[in-house]
Amino acid sequence: MTGPVGRPCHTAGVVESGAAPSTSLPLGAAREWMHVWPAVSSSLRPARVSLAEWLTVLRWPADDADDVIMAVSEAVTNVIDHAYPATRRGPVQVHGWCRAGSTPDSRRVTVTVTDRGDWGREHRTVDPAGHRGHGFAVMSGCTAEMHVQRSAGGTTFILVSNDAPAG
């Protein structure tokens, strides 16, 4: 579910009908979370806060939550800096869900960060001091898996957390 750019769109807990949850979650915890913000720097803080709130509802361990938040923040920053021209900003959609981990007593969150931009060379931020350009390394270092899917319709970062204890 998406809302207009700038309007958060929250999807409440989603479990496929008839399917038992694959992980142990607190009663009433939202298995899925989604928001859409404008791809501008002022969206970074609300994105981090909203993600942190969802991870808290899931009772995600604090250190593991910090890694997820850092990786997602880097992906959102990349969209803000590179996806759209400064004169035509677009949306950044952040969607997360909780699922079983690599062992029966673990779980993971997967978070996608999606834009509808073209990542043209003219959108790239130049940093003559060389302090930029580490986002992919940070995202990879904070997650079990990091993938980037590019298409004519935009780019999606797929970030899969490290395992966390179930429930």
C-alpha atoms as a PDB file:
ATOM      1  CA  MET A   1       0.000   0.000   0.000  1.00  0.00           C
ATOM      2  CA  THR A   2       1.474   3.357  -0.926  1.00  0.00           C
ATOM      3  CA  GLY A   3       0.384   6.859  -0.153  1.00  0.00           C
ATOM      4  CA  PRO A   4       1.088  10.150  -1.838  1.00  0.00           C
ATOM      5  CA  VAL A   5       4.665  11.355  -1.658  1.00  0.00           C
ATOM      6  CA  GLY A   6       5.286  12.871   1.733  1.00  0.00           C
ATOM      7  CA  ARG A   7       2.490  10.993   3.431  1.00  0.00           C
ATOM      8  CA  PRO A   8       3.550   8.001   5.488  1.00  0.00           C
ATOM      9  CA  CYS A   9       1.684   4.872   4.564  1.00  0.00           C
ATOM     10  CA  HIS A  10       1.665   2.256   7.320  1.00  0.00           C
ATOM     11  CA  THR A  11       0.685  -1.324   6.675  1.00  0.00           C
ATOM     12  CA  ALA A  12      -0.477  -3.075   9.817  1.00  0.00           C
ATOM     13  CA  GLY A  13       0.370  -6.663  10.669  1.00  0.00           C
ATOM     14  CA  VAL A  14       0.026  -8.943   7.697  1.00  0.00           C
ATOM     15  CA  VAL A  15      -0.080 -12.736   7.884  1.00  0.00           C
ATOM     16  CA  GLU A  16      -1.328 -14.723   4.930  1.00  0.00           C
ATOM     17  CA  SER A  17      -4.774 -16.073   5.683  1.00  0.00           C
ATOM     18  CA  GLY A  18      -4.689 -19.557   7.092  1.00  0.00           C
ATOM     19  CA  ALA A  19      -0.921 -19.473   7.454  1.00  0.00           C
ATOM     20  CA  ALA A  20       0.687 -19.761  10.845  1.00  0.00           C
ATOM     21  CA  PRO A  21       3.286 -17.109  11.601  1.00  0.00           C
ATOM     22  CA  SER A  22       6.765 -18.353  10.733  1.00  0.00           C
ATOM     23  CA  THR A  23       8.342 -16.611  13.727  1.00  0.00           C
ATOM     24  CA  SER A  24       7.310 -15.962  17.276  1.00  0.00           C
ATOM     25  CA  LEU A  25       6.168 -12.345  17.512  1.00  0.00           C
ATOM     26  CA  PRO A  26       4.629 -10.432  20.382  1.00  0.00           C
ATOM     27  CA  LEU A  27       0.836 -10.482  20.255  1.00  0.00           C
ATOM     28  CA  GLY A  28      -0.380  -7.758  17.905  1.00  0.00           C
ATOM     29  CA  ALA A  29       3.071  -7.065  16.457  1.00  0.00           C
ATOM     30  CA  ALA A  30       3.043  -5.857  12.868  1.00  0.00           C
ATOM     31  CA  ARG A  31       4.792  -8.465  10.706  1.00  0.00           C
ATOM     32  CA  GLU A  32       5.043  -5.946   7.886  1.00  0.00           C
ATOM     33  CA  TRP A  33       5.824  -2.237   7.797  1.00  0.00           C
ATOM     34  CA  MET A  34       5.831   0.275   4.946  1.00  0.00           C
ATOM     35  CA  HIS A  35       6.247   4.008   4.513  1.00  0.00           C
ATOM     36  CA  VAL A  36       6.725   6.365   1.592  1.00  0.00           C
ATOM     37  CA  TRP A  37       8.582   9.655   1.995  1.00  0.00           C
ATOM     38  CA  PRO A  38       9.850  12.311  -0.398  1.00  0.00           C
ATOM     39  CA  ALA A  39      13.491  11.629  -1.331  1.00  0.00           C
ATOM     40  CA  VAL A  40      14.856  14.634   0.556  1.00  0.00           C
ATOM     41  CA  SER A  41      17.303  14.809   3.460  1.00  0.00           C
ATOM     42  CA  SER A  42      14.579  15.801   5.940  1.00  0.00           C
ATOM     43  CA  SER A  43      13.048  12.336   5.414  1.00  0.00           C
ATOM     44  CA  LEU A  44      16.060  10.536   6.927  1.00  0.00           C
ATOM     45  CA  ARG A  45      15.173  11.115  10.561  1.00  0.00           C
ATOM     46  CA  PRO A  46      11.491  10.091  10.263  1.00  0.00           C
ATOM     47  CA  ALA A  47      12.559   6.976   8.332  1.00  0.00           C
ATOM     48  CA  ARG A  48      15.026   5.972  11.062  1.00  0.00           C
ATOM     49  CA  VAL A  49      12.555   6.712  13.865  1.00  0.00           C
ATOM     50  CA  SER A  50       9.723   4.806  12.208  1.00  0.00           C
ATOM     51  CA  LEU A  51      11.942   1.794  11.488  1.00  0.00           C
ATOM     52  CA  ALA A  52      13.246   1.827  15.074  1.00  0.00           C
ATOM     53  CA  GLU A  53       9.678   1.871  16.396  1.00  0.00           C
ATOM     54  CA  TRP A  54       8.737  -1.134  14.249  1.00  0.00           C
ATOM     55  CA  LEU A  55      11.827  -3.064  15.338  1.00  0.00           C
ATOM     56  CA  THR A  56      10.960  -2.256  18.967  1.00  0.00           C
ATOM     57  CA  VAL A  57       7.458  -3.684  18.460  1.00  0.00           C
ATOM     58  CA  LEU A  58       9.118  -6.825  17.087  1.00  0.00           C
ATOM     59  CA  ARG A  59      11.354  -6.885  20.199  1.00  0.00           C
ATOM     60  CA  TRP A  60      14.401  -6.851  17.959  1.00  0.00           C
ATOM     61  CA  PRO A  61      17.680  -6.920  19.952  1.00  0.00           C
ATOM     62  CA  ALA A  62      19.095  -3.392  20.258  1.00  0.00           C
ATOM     63  CA  ASP A  63      22.504  -4.053  18.662  1.00  0.00           C
ATOM     64  CA  ASP A  64      20.899  -5.903  15.755  1.00  0.00           C
ATOM     65  CA  ALA A  65      18.320  -3.128  15.346  1.00  0.00           C
ATOM     66  CA  ASP A  66      21.137  -0.568  15.127  1.00  0.00           C
ATOM     67  CA  ASP A  67      22.660  -2.536  12.235  1.00  0.00           C
ATOM     68  CA  VAL A  68      19.341  -2.659  10.353  1.00  0.00           C
ATOM     69  CA  ILE A  69      18.725   1.055  10.934  1.00  0.00           C
ATOM     70  CA  MET A  70      22.244   1.949   9.760  1.00  0.00           C
ATOM     71  CA  ALA A  71      21.907  -0.116   6.563  1.00  0.00           C
ATOM     72  CA  VAL A  72      18.466   1.289   5.725  1.00  0.00           C
ATOM     73  CA  SER A  73      19.651   4.826   6.459  1.00  0.00           C
ATOM     74  CA  GLU A  74      22.526   4.361   3.991  1.00  0.00           C
ATOM     75  CA  ALA A  75      20.140   3.047   1.312  1.00  0.00           C
ATOM     76  CA  VAL A  76      17.714   5.958   1.811  1.00  0.00           C
ATOM     77  CA  THR A  77      20.651   8.395   1.685  1.00  0.00           C
ATOM     78  CA  ASN A  78      21.761   6.885  -1.630  1.00  0.00           C
ATOM     79  CA  VAL A  79      18.271   7.404  -3.062  1.00  0.00           C
ATOM     80  CA  ILE A  80      18.233  11.018  -1.832  1.00  0.00           C
ATOM     81  CA  ASP A  81      21.681  11.738  -3.252  1.00  0.00           C
ATOM     82  CA  HIS A  82      21.590   9.841  -6.528  1.00  0.00           C
ATOM     83  CA  ALA A  83      18.170   8.703  -7.775  1.00  0.00           C
ATOM     84  CA  TYR A  84      16.534  11.950  -8.839  1.00  0.00           C
ATOM     85  CA  PRO A  85      17.591  15.294 -10.274  1.00  0.00           C
ATOM     86  CA  ALA A  86      17.448  18.168  -7.765  1.00  0.00           C
ATOM     87  CA  THR A  87      14.677  19.812  -9.789  1.00  0.00           C
ATOM     88  CA  ARG A  88      12.410  16.728  -9.826  1.00  0.00           C
ATOM     89  CA  ARG A  89      12.454  14.879  -6.526  1.00  0.00           C
ATOM     90  CA  GLY A  90      10.508  11.650  -6.261  1.00  0.00           C
ATOM     91  CA  PRO A  91       9.496   9.179  -3.560  1.00  0.00           C
ATOM     92  CA  VAL A  92      11.482   6.667  -1.533  1.00  0.00           C
ATOM     93  CA  GLN A  93       9.501   3.654  -0.366  1.00  0.00           C
ATOM     94  CA  VAL A  94      10.746   1.616   2.586  1.00  0.00           C
ATOM     95  CA  HIS A  95       9.102  -1.778   3.183  1.00  0.00           C
ATOM     96  CA  GLY A  96      10.040  -4.309   5.832  1.00  0.00           C
ATOM     97  CA  TRP A  97       8.825  -7.723   6.894  1.00  0.00           C
ATOM     98  CA  CYS A  98       9.779 -10.303   9.472  1.00  0.00           C
ATOM     99  CA  ARG A  99      10.367 -13.945   8.575  1.00  0.00           C
ATOM    100  CA  ALA A 100      12.066 -17.086   9.818  1.00  0.00           C
ATOM    101  CA  GLY A 101      15.843 -16.984  10.111  1.00  0.00           C
ATOM    102  CA  SER A 102      18.426 -19.541   9.065  1.00  0.00           C
ATOM    103  CA  THR A 103      17.727 -21.753  12.101  1.00  0.00           C
ATOM    104  CA  PRO A 104      14.449 -22.798  13.756  1.00  0.00           C
ATOM    105  CA  ASP A 105      15.106 -20.541  16.752  1.00  0.00           C
ATOM    106  CA  SER A 106      15.943 -17.393  14.760  1.00  0.00           C
ATOM    107  CA  ARG A 107      14.254 -14.750  12.639  1.00  0.00           C
ATOM    108  CA  ARG A 108      15.267 -12.031  10.196  1.00  0.00           C
ATOM    109  CA  VAL A 109      13.847  -8.844   8.816  1.00  0.00           C
ATOM    110  CA  THR A 110      14.080  -7.971   5.159  1.00  0.00           C
ATOM    111  CA  VAL A 111      13.825  -4.294   4.253  1.00  0.00           C
ATOM    112  CA  THR A 112      13.579  -2.962   0.722  1.00  0.00           C
ATOM    113  CA  VAL A 113      14.300   0.646  -0.205  1.00  0.00           C
ATOM    114  CA  THR A 114      12.843   1.548  -3.597  1.00  0.00           C
ATOM    115  CA  ASP A 115      12.930   4.618  -5.806  1.00  0.00           C
ATOM    116  CA  ARG A 116      11.581   5.481  -9.251  1.00  0.00           C
ATOM    117  CA  GLY A 117      14.639   7.432 -10.330  1.00  0.00           C
ATOM    118  CA  ASP A 118      17.217   6.787 -13.019  1.00  0.00           C
ATOM    119  CA  TRP A 119      20.477   7.315 -11.095  1.00  0.00           C
ATOM    120  CA  GLY A 120      21.841   9.474 -13.911  1.00  0.00           C
ATOM    121  CA  ARG A 121      25.425  10.671 -13.684  1.00  0.00           C
ATOM    122  CA  GLU A 122      24.191  14.247 -13.425  1.00  0.00           C
ATOM    123  CA  HIS A 123      22.411  13.388 -10.114  1.00  0.00           C
ATOM    124  CA  ARG A 124      25.553  12.153  -8.372  1.00  0.00           C
ATOM    125  CA  THR A 125      26.920  14.110  -5.450  1.00  0.00           C
ATOM    126  CA  VAL A 126      30.560  15.060  -5.856  1.00  0.00           C
ATOM    127  CA  ASP A 127      32.813  14.864  -2.788  1.00  0.00           C
ATOM    128  CA  PRO A 128      36.278  16.252  -3.530  1.00  0.00           C
ATOM    129  CA  ALA A 129      37.422  15.447   0.045  1.00  0.00           C
ATOM    130  CA  GLY A 130      36.725  11.724  -0.471  1.00  0.00           C
ATOM    131  CA  HIS A 131      34.501  11.268   2.595  1.00  0.00           C
ATOM    132  CA  ARG A 132      31.688   9.672   0.612  1.00  0.00           C
ATOM    133  CA  GLY A 133      31.326   6.456  -1.331  1.00  0.00           C
ATOM    134  CA  HIS A 134      31.251   3.943   1.523  1.00  0.00           C
ATOM    135  CA  GLY A 135      27.493   3.284   1.600  1.00  0.00           C
ATOM    136  CA  PHE A 136      27.568  -0.127  -0.083  1.00  0.00           C
ATOM    137  CA  ALA A 137      30.331  -1.310   2.262  1.00  0.00           C
ATOM    138  CA  VAL A 138      28.363  -0.081   5.286  1.00  0.00           C
ATOM    139  CA  MET A 139      25.142  -1.751   4.097  1.00  0.00           C
ATOM    140  CA  SER A 140      26.980  -5.018   3.415  1.00  0.00           C
ATOM    141  CA  GLY A 141      28.731  -4.892   6.772  1.00  0.00           C
ATOM    142  CA  CYS A 142      25.487  -4.364   8.689  1.00  0.00           C
ATOM    143  CA  THR A 143      23.449  -7.108   7.007  1.00  0.00           C
ATOM    144  CA  ALA A 144      23.580 -10.803   6.185  1.00  0.00           C
ATOM    145  CA  GLU A 145      22.662 -10.032   2.571  1.00  0.00           C
ATOM    146  CA  MET A 146      22.553  -6.885   0.461  1.00  0.00           C
ATOM    147  CA  HIS A 147      21.337  -6.839  -3.126  1.00  0.00           C
ATOM    148  CA  VAL A 148      20.621  -4.060  -5.604  1.00  0.00           C
ATOM    149  CA  GLN A 149      18.056  -4.485  -8.376  1.00  0.00           C
ATOM    150  CA  ARG A 150      18.074  -1.856 -11.107  1.00  0.00           C
ATOM    151  CA  SER A 151      15.433  -1.490 -13.796  1.00  0.00           C
ATOM    152  CA  ALA A 152      13.990   1.139 -16.098  1.00  0.00           C
ATOM    153  CA  GLY A 153      11.395   1.809 -13.376  1.00  0.00           C
ATOM    154  CA  GLY A 154      13.875   2.514 -10.578  1.00  0.00           C
ATOM    155  CA  THR A 155      16.223   0.869  -8.123  1.00  0.00           C
ATOM    156  CA  THR A 156      15.558  -1.385  -5.123  1.00  0.00           C
ATOM    157  CA  PHE A 157      17.982  -2.151  -2.312  1.00  0.00           C
ATOM    158  CA  ILE A 158      17.193  -5.465  -0.606  1.00  0.00           C
ATOM    159  CA  LEU A 159      18.649  -5.656   2.890  1.00  0.00           C
ATOM    160  CA  VAL A 160      18.374  -8.877   4.919  1.00  0.00           C
ATOM    161  CA  SER A 161      19.294  -8.662   8.586  1.00  0.00           C
ATOM    162  CA  ASN A 162      21.514 -11.029  10.455  1.00  0.00           C
ATOM    163  CA  ASP A 163      19.658 -13.674  12.454  1.00  0.00           C
ATOM    164  CA  ALA A 164      18.102 -12.558  15.724  1.00  0.00           C
ATOM    165  CA  PRO A 165      16.616 -14.816  18.380  1.00  0.00           C
ATOM    166  CA  ALA A 166      12.992 -15.804  17.714  1.00  0.00           C
ATOM    167  CA  GLY A 167      10.577 -13.974  19.985  1.00  0.00           C
END
